[in-house]
Structure formats: structure tokens, C-alpha cells
Amino acid sequence: MSLLRIRNLCVSFGSRKNPFRAVDGVSLDLEAGELLGIVGESGSGKSVTMMAVMGLLDESAHITADELLFDGQPLLTMPARQRRRIIGKDMAMIFQDPMTALNPSYTVGFQIMESLRVHERLSGAALKRRALELLELVEIPAPESRLSTYPHQLSGGMSQRVMIAMAVACNPRLLIADEPTTALDVTIQAQIMALLQRLQTERGMAMIMITHDLAVVSEVAQRVAVMYAGQIAEVAPVPDIFTEPAHPYTHALLQSLPERSLGERLHTLPGIVPGLYDRPNGCLLAPRCPRVGERCLSQIPALEALPGQAVHQVRCFDPLFAGDRP
């Protein structure tokens, strides 16, 4: 059985009469020890999907799913007390902006030790020793002095390392990294990515990497899921999704990369992502898609495997094949 199994996950905001569906029928599987990349432009539902899995959305969100299982346990229907024993211990998350994710009112040491107190039942000298070990693990210099440091006294890169230390403190089986290199300079980004990859390999964690950076995904992930307007458009192994993209949106994303540009201007898709009041009746990409047909305007395509390729799934009535790509 998959470590994480998601079937038809939907997340809506707003009133019951006029809801906006930010996540629309997402289905994914993640195996133990696997690194899955989730890519897509801003507003495609990447972070909201994972926040729903973690149970971190507030009461304004209406969440439904046919299945939302972690190691066979139903996350949506289990008692809140039982779910709190899983979140932070077996499942952990690194958030987009470490400068705002850390609590400015508490020291670094207090925030790292908090999860150790709750989930590992540590106290006294053992608690401090474990906190120091975690700071050393994420390669923070002079770790003992950092325990009494407040978040505003840290750089962005150091804050992100503290967030990683907190996330891996209880040896989670699943780590979700949501844009872990946002607002960091290029050198620090490379260091953080190398650190995450090392921890994931050494500890055998499953990891979901949410990012806009296709280059990062191509280097670290085993599979990639592409999201568009709250739906999974395509799921495929690396490198297949980069060499043989089947969905027109995935192809457009790759064509927009500077290294793939054949002319003076970067490739773009016309139009904009559909919002609350302009969602199409059929395929959500239909108003922008160069391969749109009559069926696309009235029917919603399902996420299905390509012929003879069970691990390569695409949500499209007319997927691209080798002869269709320029």
C-alpha cells in the first residue's frame, strides 16, 4: 500500500451557494522513500492541496475526498487527537517563507524543543542535547549559541535551516517542502536543496517538493505532477515528463524555459488561468489550448494512463505524442 493515497480531493472556499474550488479532484499516490515534485504556476492549488493533507486549513475551507490515507489511516475521518499525533511526527511540512513561519516571540531553541516535548516526550538535558544535534544536522554553525537566538536575528538561509531542523526533529516518514528556497539567493538555494536531498536519502523519507523551478525537480525528483487551475494535468516519471510531455500545458511550461526558446521571445500561452466566474464547462485549459476540440469544450477529461504507459497519466482528450512536439 502507498504511504500517501489521495483520491478525488476537493477544497472549496466561500459560501456553500457560490463556492470557489481551489483544489478540484486531485488524485495522487506516494510510495515510501519516494521524492515527488509538484509544479505549476502560482494559484494552481499546489500548496492548498498539501495544507489540506496536513489538516492546516482553517474553518473557511470545505474539504472532501473519496480517500485521504496516510499509511492506510483515514486522515479526514480520524479523531482530531489521533491526527495531532501524526502531524508533526510522521508527517511534517516546511513552509514557503521561513522569516514568517517561525514565531518571532520565541527563541529558536524553544521552537525546536516544543515538538520534541510533545511527540518524543523528552525533557531536561536530553531535550537540549537533541536540539543541538538537530542544529548540527542542518549545518548551523555555533549551534549552542543559536538556541537562545530569536528568528529576527537570523538570515533567511539560517531561518530555513531552523525550519528544516524542526520538520525532521521527530524523524517523519513524509516531509512536504513547500517552495523551500523562496526568497533565498542562488548560492543558499543550492545549499538548502543539497541539505534536503541528503536528509531525504539518509533517512529514507518520502518527500513532496512543491516548486516553480523545473530545473530543481529534474535533478531531485523521481516523479513529477503538473497542476493547473486546481487539477492534476499530468503525472510522469523523470525524465519522461521533460522529454515526452503529453499534456499541452506541460509542453507549454517546458517551452517557456529560456534554454528551450527557439526565437527571440519566450513561448507563452494566450489568456489567463480561469477564476471563480469564468471556469469553462469542459477542460479547464480549453480557452487557451492550441489543440482544443469540440469535446474539450463540453466534457471534463479524466486523469488516465497513456496507452501502454501505466505510470504516465494525463488529463487530456488529445494528448501529445512524439510527432506532435516541435
C-alpha atoms as a PDB file:
ATOM      1  CA  MET A   1       0.000   0.000   0.000  1.00  0.00           C
ATOM      2  CA  SER A   2       1.167   3.542  -0.793  1.00  0.00           C
ATOM      3  CA  LEU A   3       2.400   5.667   2.101  1.00  0.00           C
ATOM      4  CA  LEU A   4       0.076   8.500   0.985  1.00  0.00           C
ATOM      5  CA  ARG A   5      -3.041   7.846  -1.084  1.00  0.00           C
ATOM      6  CA  ILE A   6      -5.265  10.696  -2.296  1.00  0.00           C
ATOM      7  CA  ARG A   7      -8.423  10.131  -4.302  1.00  0.00           C
ATOM      8  CA  ASN A   8     -10.663  12.934  -5.599  1.00  0.00           C
ATOM      9  CA  LEU A   9      -9.542  15.557  -3.079  1.00  0.00           C
ATOM     10  CA  CYS A  10     -11.541  18.788  -3.360  1.00  0.00           C
ATOM     11  CA  VAL A  11     -11.047  22.006  -1.384  1.00  0.00           C
ATOM     12  CA  SER A  12     -13.558  24.835  -1.693  1.00  0.00           C
ATOM     13  CA  PHE A  13     -13.684  28.311  -0.165  1.00  0.00           C
ATOM     14  CA  GLY A  14     -16.524  30.785   0.129  1.00  0.00           C
ATOM     15  CA  SER A  15     -20.226  30.258   0.672  1.00  0.00           C
ATOM     16  CA  ARG A  16     -21.969  26.927   0.097  1.00  0.00           C
ATOM     17  CA  LYS A  17     -24.131  28.536  -2.595  1.00  0.00           C
ATOM     18  CA  ASN A  18     -21.216  30.044  -4.508  1.00  0.00           C
ATOM     19  CA  PRO A  19     -18.013  28.172  -3.606  1.00  0.00           C
ATOM     20  CA  PHE A  20     -14.683  28.549  -5.330  1.00  0.00           C
ATOM     21  CA  ARG A  21     -12.995  25.180  -5.828  1.00  0.00           C
ATOM     22  CA  ALA A  22      -9.257  25.771  -5.296  1.00  0.00           C
ATOM     23  CA  VAL A  23      -8.478  22.039  -5.497  1.00  0.00           C
ATOM     24  CA  ASP A  24     -10.603  20.075  -7.930  1.00  0.00           C
ATOM     25  CA  GLY A  25     -10.473  16.276  -7.851  1.00  0.00           C
ATOM     26  CA  VAL A  26      -6.787  15.700  -7.111  1.00  0.00           C
ATOM     27  CA  SER A  27      -5.649  12.058  -7.005  1.00  0.00           C
ATOM     28  CA  LEU A  28      -2.078  11.082  -6.140  1.00  0.00           C
ATOM     29  CA  ASP A  29      -0.063   8.206  -4.684  1.00  0.00           C
ATOM     30  CA  LEU A  30       3.283   8.478  -2.921  1.00  0.00           C
ATOM     31  CA  GLU A  31       5.434   5.494  -2.054  1.00  0.00           C
ATOM     32  CA  ALA A  32       7.688   5.235   0.996  1.00  0.00           C
ATOM     33  CA  GLY A  33      11.083   6.818   0.279  1.00  0.00           C
ATOM     34  CA  GLU A  34       9.911   8.442  -2.988  1.00  0.00           C
ATOM     35  CA  LEU A  35      10.528  12.083  -3.917  1.00  0.00           C
ATOM     36  CA  LEU A  36       7.607  13.587  -5.850  1.00  0.00           C
ATOM     37  CA  GLY A  37       7.781  17.044  -7.373  1.00  0.00           C
ATOM     38  CA  ILE A  38       4.614  19.149  -7.767  1.00  0.00           C
ATOM     39  CA  VAL A  39       4.916  22.035 -10.225  1.00  0.00           C
ATOM     40  CA  GLY A  40       2.588  24.654 -11.639  1.00  0.00           C
ATOM     41  CA  GLU A  41       2.138  28.397 -11.729  1.00  0.00           C
ATOM     42  CA  SER A  42       1.002  30.454  -8.748  1.00  0.00           C
ATOM     43  CA  GLY A  43      -2.621  29.782  -7.813  1.00  0.00           C
ATOM     44  CA  SER A  44      -2.708  26.281  -9.291  1.00  0.00           C
ATOM     45  CA  GLY A  45      -3.542  24.692  -5.924  1.00  0.00           C
ATOM     46  CA  LYS A  46      -0.196  23.106  -5.047  1.00  0.00           C
ATOM     47  CA  SER A  47       0.117  24.492  -1.507  1.00  0.00           C
ATOM     48  CA  VAL A  48      -3.601  24.252  -0.710  1.00  0.00           C
ATOM     49  CA  THR A  49      -3.568  20.557  -1.638  1.00  0.00           C
ATOM     50  CA  MET A  50      -0.771  19.794   0.798  1.00  0.00           C
ATOM     51  CA  MET A  51      -2.194  22.064   3.518  1.00  0.00           C
ATOM     52  CA  ALA A  52      -5.412  20.045   3.261  1.00  0.00           C
ATOM     53  CA  VAL A  53      -3.444  16.807   3.626  1.00  0.00           C
ATOM     54  CA  MET A  54      -1.739  18.218   6.726  1.00  0.00           C
ATOM     55  CA  GLY A  55      -5.018  19.494   8.189  1.00  0.00           C
ATOM     56  CA  LEU A  56      -3.722  23.066   8.360  1.00  0.00           C
ATOM     57  CA  LEU A  57      -6.536  24.890   6.541  1.00  0.00           C
ATOM     58  CA  ASP A  58      -8.912  26.958   8.671  1.00  0.00           C
ATOM     59  CA  GLU A  59     -12.680  26.592   9.005  1.00  0.00           C
ATOM     60  CA  SER A  60     -13.347  28.574   5.819  1.00  0.00           C
ATOM     61  CA  ALA A  61     -12.152  25.578   3.775  1.00  0.00           C
ATOM     62  CA  HIS A  62     -14.548  22.787   2.869  1.00  0.00           C
ATOM     63  CA  ILE A  63     -12.552  19.583   2.281  1.00  0.00           C
ATOM     64  CA  THR A  64     -13.866  16.359   0.764  1.00  0.00           C
ATOM     65  CA  ALA A  65     -12.151  13.256  -0.601  1.00  0.00           C
ATOM     66  CA  ASP A  66     -13.065   9.734  -1.589  1.00  0.00           C
ATOM     67  CA  GLU A  67      -9.845   8.642   0.108  1.00  0.00           C
ATOM     68  CA  LEU A  68      -7.164  10.523   2.038  1.00  0.00           C
ATOM     69  CA  LEU A  69      -4.979   7.854   3.604  1.00  0.00           C
ATOM     70  CA  PHE A  70      -1.603   8.032   5.318  1.00  0.00           C
ATOM     71  CA  ASP A  71      -0.146   4.564   5.818  1.00  0.00           C
ATOM     72  CA  GLY A  72      -3.688   3.199   5.486  1.00  0.00           C
ATOM     73  CA  GLN A  73      -5.141   5.541   8.110  1.00  0.00           C
ATOM     74  CA  PRO A  74      -8.029   7.852   7.048  1.00  0.00           C
ATOM     75  CA  LEU A  75      -6.883  11.386   7.806  1.00  0.00           C
ATOM     76  CA  LEU A  76     -10.238  13.109   7.214  1.00  0.00           C
ATOM     77  CA  THR A  77     -12.339  10.899   9.473  1.00  0.00           C
ATOM     78  CA  MET A  78      -9.945  10.077  12.318  1.00  0.00           C
ATOM     79  CA  PRO A  79     -10.398  11.921  15.655  1.00  0.00           C
ATOM     80  CA  ALA A  80      -8.543  15.238  15.912  1.00  0.00           C
ATOM     81  CA  ARG A  81      -6.468  13.949  18.830  1.00  0.00           C
ATOM     82  CA  GLN A  82      -5.235  10.988  16.801  1.00  0.00           C
ATOM     83  CA  ARG A  83      -4.410  13.205  13.809  1.00  0.00           C
ATOM     84  CA  ARG A  84      -2.350  15.542  16.031  1.00  0.00           C
ATOM     85  CA  ARG A  85      -0.174  12.560  16.982  1.00  0.00           C
ATOM     86  CA  ILE A  86       0.626  12.034  13.287  1.00  0.00           C
ATOM     87  CA  ILE A  87       1.071  15.652  12.169  1.00  0.00           C
ATOM     88  CA  GLY A  88       4.482  16.921  13.254  1.00  0.00           C
ATOM     89  CA  LYS A  89       5.805  13.438  13.928  1.00  0.00           C
ATOM     90  CA  ASP A  90       5.105  11.093  10.999  1.00  0.00           C
ATOM     91  CA  MET A  91       4.155  13.928   8.632  1.00  0.00           C
ATOM     92  CA  ALA A  92       5.957  17.277   8.661  1.00  0.00           C
ATOM     93  CA  MET A  93       5.985  20.379   6.479  1.00  0.00           C
ATOM     94  CA  ILE A  94       8.469  23.117   5.606  1.00  0.00           C
ATOM     95  CA  PHE A  95       6.649  26.335   4.716  1.00  0.00           C
ATOM     96  CA  GLN A  96       7.329  28.855   1.962  1.00  0.00           C
ATOM     97  CA  ASP A  97       8.717  31.810   3.922  1.00  0.00           C
ATOM     98  CA  PRO A  98      10.855  30.896   6.932  1.00  0.00           C
ATOM     99  CA  MET A  99      11.003  34.524   8.057  1.00  0.00           C
ATOM    100  CA  THR A 100       7.256  34.482   8.762  1.00  0.00           C
ATOM    101  CA  ALA A 101       6.786  30.768   9.538  1.00  0.00           C
ATOM    102  CA  LEU A 102       8.878  30.988  12.713  1.00  0.00           C
ATOM    103  CA  ASN A 103       7.230  32.568  15.761  1.00  0.00           C
ATOM    104  CA  PRO A 104       9.047  35.876  16.473  1.00  0.00           C
ATOM    105  CA  SER A 105       8.142  35.735  20.176  1.00  0.00           C
ATOM    106  CA  TYR A 106      10.088  32.552  20.963  1.00  0.00           C
ATOM    107  CA  THR A 107      13.725  31.536  20.644  1.00  0.00           C
ATOM    108  CA  VAL A 108      14.945  29.043  18.102  1.00  0.00           C
ATOM    109  CA  GLY A 109      15.662  26.549  20.881  1.00  0.00           C
ATOM    110  CA  PHE A 110      12.153  26.786  22.326  1.00  0.00           C
ATOM    111  CA  GLN A 111      10.526  26.201  18.945  1.00  0.00           C
ATOM    112  CA  ILE A 112      12.683  23.173  18.123  1.00  0.00           C
ATOM    113  CA  MET A 113      12.198  21.690  21.597  1.00  0.00           C
ATOM    114  CA  GLU A 114       8.424  22.157  21.507  1.00  0.00           C
ATOM    115  CA  SER A 115       7.809  19.315  19.054  1.00  0.00           C
ATOM    116  CA  LEU A 116      10.324  17.110  20.886  1.00  0.00           C
ATOM    117  CA  ARG A 117       8.439  17.637  24.152  1.00  0.00           C
ATOM    118  CA  VAL A 118       5.078  16.821  22.568  1.00  0.00           C
ATOM    119  CA  HIS A 119       5.974  13.901  20.314  1.00  0.00           C
ATOM    120  CA  GLU A 120       9.157  12.426  21.797  1.00  0.00           C
ATOM    121  CA  ARG A 121       8.429  13.155  25.492  1.00  0.00           C
ATOM    122  CA  LEU A 122      11.956  14.486  26.023  1.00  0.00           C
ATOM    123  CA  SER A 123      12.904  16.857  28.848  1.00  0.00           C
ATOM    124  CA  GLY A 124      15.887  18.355  30.641  1.00  0.00           C
ATOM    125  CA  ALA A 125      19.392  17.640  29.373  1.00  0.00           C
ATOM    126  CA  ALA A 126      18.188  15.064  26.822  1.00  0.00           C
ATOM    127  CA  LEU A 127      15.885  17.671  25.258  1.00  0.00           C
ATOM    128  CA  LYS A 128      18.657  20.269  24.887  1.00  0.00           C
ATOM    129  CA  ARG A 129      21.094  17.665  23.586  1.00  0.00           C
ATOM    130  CA  ARG A 130      18.657  16.565  20.893  1.00  0.00           C
ATOM    131  CA  ALA A 131      18.012  20.190  19.851  1.00  0.00           C
ATOM    132  CA  LEU A 132      21.762  20.750  19.479  1.00  0.00           C
ATOM    133  CA  GLU A 133      22.054  17.577  17.404  1.00  0.00           C
ATOM    134  CA  LEU A 134      19.359  18.846  15.056  1.00  0.00           C
ATOM    135  CA  LEU A 135      21.065  22.221  14.564  1.00  0.00           C
ATOM    136  CA  GLU A 136      24.309  20.396  13.807  1.00  0.00           C
ATOM    137  CA  LEU A 137      22.442  18.106  11.414  1.00  0.00           C
ATOM    138  CA  VAL A 138      21.296  21.077   9.321  1.00  0.00           C
ATOM    139  CA  GLU A 139      24.832  22.524   9.405  1.00  0.00           C
ATOM    140  CA  ILE A 140      24.180  25.623  11.510  1.00  0.00           C
ATOM    141  CA  PRO A 141      27.493  26.962  12.884  1.00  0.00           C
ATOM    142  CA  ALA A 142      27.871  27.521  16.645  1.00  0.00           C
ATOM    143  CA  PRO A 143      24.621  25.633  17.345  1.00  0.00           C
ATOM    144  CA  GLU A 144      24.696  26.121  21.123  1.00  0.00           C
ATOM    145  CA  SER A 145      24.589  29.900  20.791  1.00  0.00           C
ATOM    146  CA  ARG A 146      21.709  29.661  18.297  1.00  0.00           C
ATOM    147  CA  LEU A 147      19.390  28.023  20.826  1.00  0.00           C
ATOM    148  CA  SER A 148      18.866  31.396  22.532  1.00  0.00           C
ATOM    149  CA  THR A 149      18.571  33.312  19.253  1.00  0.00           C
ATOM    150  CA  TYR A 150      15.276  34.862  18.092  1.00  0.00           C
ATOM    151  CA  PRO A 151      14.134  34.468  14.461  1.00  0.00           C
ATOM    152  CA  HIS A 152      14.709  38.137  13.591  1.00  0.00           C
ATOM    153  CA  GLN A 153      18.395  37.657  14.393  1.00  0.00           C
ATOM    154  CA  LEU A 154      18.793  35.007  11.682  1.00  0.00           C
ATOM    155  CA  SER A 155      19.342  35.348   7.940  1.00  0.00           C
ATOM    156  CA  GLY A 156      16.867  33.811   5.507  1.00  0.00           C
ATOM    157  CA  GLY A 157      19.115  30.818   4.896  1.00  0.00           C
ATOM    158  CA  MET A 158      19.633  30.213   8.618  1.00  0.00           C
ATOM    159  CA  SER A 159      15.892  30.534   9.257  1.00  0.00           C
ATOM    160  CA  GLN A 160      15.211  27.918   6.598  1.00  0.00           C
ATOM    161  CA  ARG A 161      17.736  25.560   8.210  1.00  0.00           C
ATOM    162  CA  VAL A 162      15.947  26.012  11.540  1.00  0.00           C
ATOM    163  CA  MET A 163      12.632  25.186   9.827  1.00  0.00           C
ATOM    164  CA  ILE A 164      14.190  22.026   8.376  1.00  0.00           C
ATOM    165  CA  ALA A 165      15.544  21.057  11.810  1.00  0.00           C
ATOM    166  CA  MET A 166      12.060  21.445  13.297  1.00  0.00           C
ATOM    167  CA  ALA A 167      10.488  19.437  10.470  1.00  0.00           C
ATOM    168  CA  VAL A 168      12.868  16.457  10.767  1.00  0.00           C
ATOM    169  CA  ALA A 169      13.086  16.544  14.578  1.00  0.00           C
ATOM    170  CA  CYS A 170      10.823  13.505  15.043  1.00  0.00           C
ATOM    171  CA  ASN A 171      12.098  11.521  12.045  1.00  0.00           C
ATOM    172  CA  PRO A 172       8.982  11.914   9.863  1.00  0.00           C
ATOM    173  CA  ARG A 173       8.109   9.329   7.251  1.00  0.00           C
ATOM    174  CA  LEU A 174       6.769  12.075   4.947  1.00  0.00           C
ATOM    175  CA  LEU A 175       8.248  15.559   4.545  1.00  0.00           C
ATOM    176  CA  ILE A 176       6.420  18.201   2.495  1.00  0.00           C
ATOM    177  CA  ALA A 177       8.674  21.041   1.324  1.00  0.00           C
ATOM    178  CA  ASP A 178       6.643  23.998   0.048  1.00  0.00           C
ATOM    179  CA  GLU A 179       8.881  26.255  -2.053  1.00  0.00           C
ATOM    180  CA  PRO A 180      11.781  25.681   0.369  1.00  0.00           C
ATOM    181  CA  THR A 181      14.122  28.099  -1.431  1.00  0.00           C
ATOM    182  CA  THR A 182      11.756  31.071  -1.811  1.00  0.00           C
ATOM    183  CA  ALA A 183      13.425  34.480  -1.258  1.00  0.00           C
ATOM    184  CA  LEU A 184      16.898  32.943  -0.910  1.00  0.00           C
ATOM    185  CA  ASP A 185      19.821  33.849  -3.140  1.00  0.00           C
ATOM    186  CA  VAL A 186      21.088  31.324  -5.658  1.00  0.00           C
ATOM    187  CA  THR A 187      24.026  30.064  -3.589  1.00  0.00           C
ATOM    188  CA  ILE A 188      21.881  29.497  -0.492  1.00  0.00           C
ATOM    189  CA  GLN A 189      19.180  27.830  -2.617  1.00  0.00           C
ATOM    190  CA  ALA A 190      21.697  25.244  -3.808  1.00  0.00           C
ATOM    191  CA  GLN A 191      22.853  24.596  -0.229  1.00  0.00           C
ATOM    192  CA  ILE A 192      19.286  24.125   1.056  1.00  0.00           C
ATOM    193  CA  MET A 193      18.393  21.778  -1.792  1.00  0.00           C
ATOM    194  CA  ALA A 194      21.535  19.727  -1.216  1.00  0.00           C
ATOM    195  CA  LEU A 195      20.704  19.529   2.501  1.00  0.00           C
ATOM    196  CA  LEU A 196      17.133  18.373   1.873  1.00  0.00           C
ATOM    197  CA  GLN A 197      18.252  15.787  -0.662  1.00  0.00           C
ATOM    198  CA  ARG A 198      20.876  14.434   1.753  1.00  0.00           C
ATOM    199  CA  LEU A 199      18.405  14.173   4.634  1.00  0.00           C
ATOM    200  CA  GLN A 200      15.807  12.505   2.430  1.00  0.00           C
ATOM    201  CA  THR A 201      18.323   9.928   1.204  1.00  0.00           C
ATOM    202  CA  GLU A 202      19.933   9.228   4.581  1.00  0.00           C
ATOM    203  CA  ARG A 203      16.644   8.882   6.443  1.00  0.00           C
ATOM    204  CA  GLY A 204      14.648   7.179   3.724  1.00  0.00           C
ATOM    205  CA  MET A 205      11.861   9.746   3.993  1.00  0.00           C
ATOM    206  CA  ALA A 206       9.205  10.204   1.366  1.00  0.00           C
ATOM    207  CA  MET A 207       9.203  13.821   0.209  1.00  0.00           C
ATOM    208  CA  ILE A 208       6.856  16.065  -1.741  1.00  0.00           C
ATOM    209  CA  MET A 209       8.652  19.051  -3.243  1.00  0.00           C
ATOM    210  CA  ILE A 210       6.379  21.945  -4.249  1.00  0.00           C
ATOM    211  CA  THR A 211       8.185  24.355  -6.543  1.00  0.00           C
ATOM    212  CA  HIS A 212       8.084  26.589  -9.605  1.00  0.00           C
ATOM    213  CA  ASP A 213      11.619  25.566 -10.506  1.00  0.00           C
ATOM    214  CA  LEU A 214      11.514  22.828 -13.120  1.00  0.00           C
ATOM    215  CA  ALA A 215      15.315  22.544 -13.065  1.00  0.00           C
ATOM    216  CA  VAL A 216      15.253  21.577  -9.377  1.00  0.00           C
ATOM    217  CA  VAL A 217      12.580  18.946  -9.989  1.00  0.00           C
ATOM    218  CA  SER A 218      14.519  17.437 -12.882  1.00  0.00           C
ATOM    219  CA  GLU A 219      17.557  16.924 -10.641  1.00  0.00           C
ATOM    220  CA  VAL A 220      15.999  15.571  -7.429  1.00  0.00           C
ATOM    221  CA  ALA A 221      12.567  14.011  -8.091  1.00  0.00           C
ATOM    222  CA  GLN A 222      11.623  10.517  -9.243  1.00  0.00           C
ATOM    223  CA  ARG A 223       8.175  11.632 -10.471  1.00  0.00           C
ATOM    224  CA  VAL A 224       6.524  14.952 -11.294  1.00  0.00           C
ATOM    225  CA  ALA A 225       2.891  16.036 -11.017  1.00  0.00           C
ATOM    226  CA  VAL A 226       1.883  19.127 -13.008  1.00  0.00           C
ATOM    227  CA  MET A 227      -1.064  21.142 -11.640  1.00  0.00           C
ATOM    228  CA  TYR A 228      -3.275  23.609 -13.489  1.00  0.00           C
ATOM    229  CA  ALA A 229      -6.248  25.505 -12.003  1.00  0.00           C
ATOM    230  CA  GLY A 230      -6.620  23.097  -9.087  1.00  0.00           C
ATOM    231  CA  GLN A 231      -6.338  19.878 -11.103  1.00  0.00           C
ATOM    232  CA  ILE A 232      -3.554  17.403 -11.847  1.00  0.00           C
ATOM    233  CA  ALA A 233      -2.845  17.821 -15.557  1.00  0.00           C
ATOM    234  CA  GLU A 234      -0.097  15.236 -15.878  1.00  0.00           C
ATOM    235  CA  VAL A 235       1.924  12.797 -13.746  1.00  0.00           C
ATOM    236  CA  ALA A 236       5.009  11.070 -15.108  1.00  0.00           C
ATOM    237  CA  PRO A 237       8.449   9.809 -14.093  1.00  0.00           C
ATOM    238  CA  VAL A 238      11.580  11.879 -14.541  1.00  0.00           C
ATOM    239  CA  PRO A 239      12.929  12.225 -17.197  1.00  0.00           C
ATOM    240  CA  ASP A 240       9.856  11.215 -19.273  1.00  0.00           C
ATOM    241  CA  ILE A 241       7.883  14.338 -18.430  1.00  0.00           C
ATOM    242  CA  PHE A 242      10.741  16.532 -19.667  1.00  0.00           C
ATOM    243  CA  THR A 243      11.482  14.565 -22.828  1.00  0.00           C
ATOM    244  CA  GLU A 244       7.958  13.378 -23.717  1.00  0.00           C
ATOM    245  CA  PRO A 245       5.345  15.744 -22.196  1.00  0.00           C
ATOM    246  CA  ALA A 246       1.840  14.614 -23.142  1.00  0.00           C
ATOM    247  CA  HIS A 247      -0.332  17.482 -21.862  1.00  0.00           C
ATOM    248  CA  PRO A 248      -0.369  20.755 -23.848  1.00  0.00           C
ATOM    249  CA  TYR A 249       0.046  22.736 -20.600  1.00  0.00           C
ATOM    250  CA  THR A 250       3.122  20.739 -19.554  1.00  0.00           C
ATOM    251  CA  HIS A 251       4.558  21.240 -23.026  1.00  0.00           C
ATOM    252  CA  ALA A 252       3.918  24.987 -22.789  1.00  0.00           C
ATOM    253  CA  LEU A 253       5.620  25.162 -19.374  1.00  0.00           C
ATOM    254  CA  LEU A 254       8.723  23.492 -20.770  1.00  0.00           C
ATOM    255  CA  GLN A 255       8.727  25.631 -23.908  1.00  0.00           C
ATOM    256  CA  SER A 256       8.714  28.775 -21.744  1.00  0.00           C
ATOM    257  CA  LEU A 257      12.132  27.887 -20.289  1.00  0.00           C
ATOM    258  CA  PRO A 258      14.858  30.177 -21.711  1.00  0.00           C
ATOM    259  CA  GLU A 259      17.101  27.233 -22.626  1.00  0.00           C
ATOM    260  CA  ARG A 260      14.301  25.796 -24.801  1.00  0.00           C
ATOM    261  CA  SER A 261      13.405  29.035 -26.556  1.00  0.00           C
ATOM    262  CA  LEU A 262      13.953  28.842 -30.313  1.00  0.00           C
ATOM    263  CA  GLY A 263      13.281  32.513 -31.045  1.00  0.00           C
ATOM    264  CA  GLU A 264      13.892  35.946 -29.564  1.00  0.00           C
ATOM    265  CA  ARG A 265      10.808  35.789 -27.333  1.00  0.00           C
ATOM    266  CA  LEU A 266       9.865  33.120 -24.810  1.00  0.00           C
ATOM    267  CA  HIS A 267       6.930  30.880 -25.658  1.00  0.00           C
ATOM    268  CA  THR A 268       3.673  31.799 -23.866  1.00  0.00           C
ATOM    269  CA  LEU A 269       0.100  30.511 -23.728  1.00  0.00           C
ATOM    270  CA  PRO A 270      -2.547  33.125 -24.565  1.00  0.00           C
ATOM    271  CA  GLY A 271      -5.182  34.022 -21.984  1.00  0.00           C
ATOM    272  CA  ILE A 272      -5.199  33.572 -18.212  1.00  0.00           C
ATOM    273  CA  VAL A 273      -5.961  30.853 -15.666  1.00  0.00           C
ATOM    274  CA  PRO A 274      -9.757  30.601 -15.119  1.00  0.00           C
ATOM    275  CA  GLY A 275     -11.090  32.173 -11.925  1.00  0.00           C
ATOM    276  CA  LEU A 276     -14.262  31.902  -9.896  1.00  0.00           C
ATOM    277  CA  TYR A 277     -16.634  33.326 -12.518  1.00  0.00           C
ATOM    278  CA  ASP A 278     -15.063  32.172 -15.789  1.00  0.00           C
ATOM    279  CA  ARG A 279     -14.417  28.442 -15.322  1.00  0.00           C
ATOM    280  CA  PRO A 280     -15.143  26.551 -18.552  1.00  0.00           C
ATOM    281  CA  ASN A 281     -17.776  23.808 -18.702  1.00  0.00           C
ATOM    282  CA  GLY A 282     -15.270  21.347 -20.149  1.00  0.00           C
ATOM    283  CA  CYS A 283     -11.492  21.132 -19.928  1.00  0.00           C
ATOM    284  CA  LEU A 284     -10.098  23.985 -17.838  1.00  0.00           C
ATOM    285  CA  LEU A 285      -7.327  24.614 -20.360  1.00  0.00           C
ATOM    286  CA  ALA A 286      -9.721  24.695 -23.330  1.00  0.00           C
ATOM    287  CA  PRO A 287      -9.855  28.527 -23.750  1.00  0.00           C
ATOM    288  CA  ARG A 288      -6.047  28.624 -24.009  1.00  0.00           C
ATOM    289  CA  CYS A 289      -5.211  25.287 -25.616  1.00  0.00           C
ATOM    290  CA  PRO A 290      -3.854  25.126 -29.206  1.00  0.00           C
ATOM    291  CA  ARG A 291      -5.264  21.564 -29.552  1.00  0.00           C
ATOM    292  CA  VAL A 292      -8.803  22.289 -28.342  1.00  0.00           C
ATOM    293  CA  GLY A 293     -11.626  20.297 -29.954  1.00  0.00           C
ATOM    294  CA  GLU A 294     -15.403  20.195 -29.676  1.00  0.00           C
ATOM    295  CA  ARG A 295     -15.309  17.553 -26.967  1.00  0.00           C
ATOM    296  CA  CYS A 296     -12.938  19.670 -24.862  1.00  0.00           C
ATOM    297  CA  LEU A 297     -15.494  22.498 -24.672  1.00  0.00           C
ATOM    298  CA  SER A 298     -18.264  20.409 -23.110  1.00  0.00           C
ATOM    299  CA  GLN A 299     -16.656  17.458 -21.284  1.00  0.00           C
ATOM    300  CA  ILE A 300     -14.103  17.273 -18.465  1.00  0.00           C
ATOM    301  CA  PRO A 301     -11.267  14.847 -19.264  1.00  0.00           C
ATOM    302  CA  ALA A 302     -10.237  12.327 -16.613  1.00  0.00           C
ATOM    303  CA  LEU A 303      -6.673  11.710 -15.473  1.00  0.00           C
ATOM    304  CA  GLU A 304      -5.836   8.490 -17.328  1.00  0.00           C
ATOM    305  CA  ALA A 305      -2.752   6.474 -18.204  1.00  0.00           C
ATOM    306  CA  LEU A 306      -1.324   6.791 -21.696  1.00  0.00           C
ATOM    307  CA  PRO A 307      -1.651   3.632 -23.807  1.00  0.00           C
ATOM    308  CA  GLY A 308       0.966   1.149 -22.675  1.00  0.00           C
ATOM    309  CA  GLN A 309       2.356   3.516 -20.021  1.00  0.00           C
ATOM    310  CA  ALA A 310       0.669   2.879 -16.681  1.00  0.00           C
ATOM    311  CA  VAL A 311       2.965   5.286 -14.810  1.00  0.00           C
ATOM    312  CA  HIS A 312       2.425   8.196 -17.219  1.00  0.00           C
ATOM    313  CA  GLN A 313      -1.001   9.758 -16.685  1.00  0.00           C
ATOM    314  CA  VAL A 314      -2.511  12.757 -18.451  1.00  0.00           C
ATOM    315  CA  ARG A 315      -5.801  14.703 -18.255  1.00  0.00           C
ATOM    316  CA  CYS A 316      -6.416  15.351 -21.940  1.00  0.00           C
ATOM    317  CA  PHE A 317      -8.626  14.081 -24.769  1.00  0.00           C
ATOM    318  CA  ASP A 318      -5.912  14.738 -27.350  1.00  0.00           C
ATOM    319  CA  PRO A 319      -2.508  14.233 -25.676  1.00  0.00           C
ATOM    320  CA  LEU A 320       0.710  14.990 -27.488  1.00  0.00           C
ATOM    321  CA  PHE A 321       2.859  12.213 -28.877  1.00  0.00           C
ATOM    322  CA  ALA A 322       6.349  12.300 -30.353  1.00  0.00           C
ATOM    323  CA  GLY A 323       5.244  13.558 -33.764  1.00  0.00           C
ATOM    324  CA  ASP A 324       3.168  16.382 -32.254  1.00  0.00           C
ATOM    325  CA  ARG A 325       6.034  18.112 -30.443  1.00  0.00           C
ATOM    326  CA  PRO A 326       8.113  20.729 -32.239  1.00  0.00           C
END
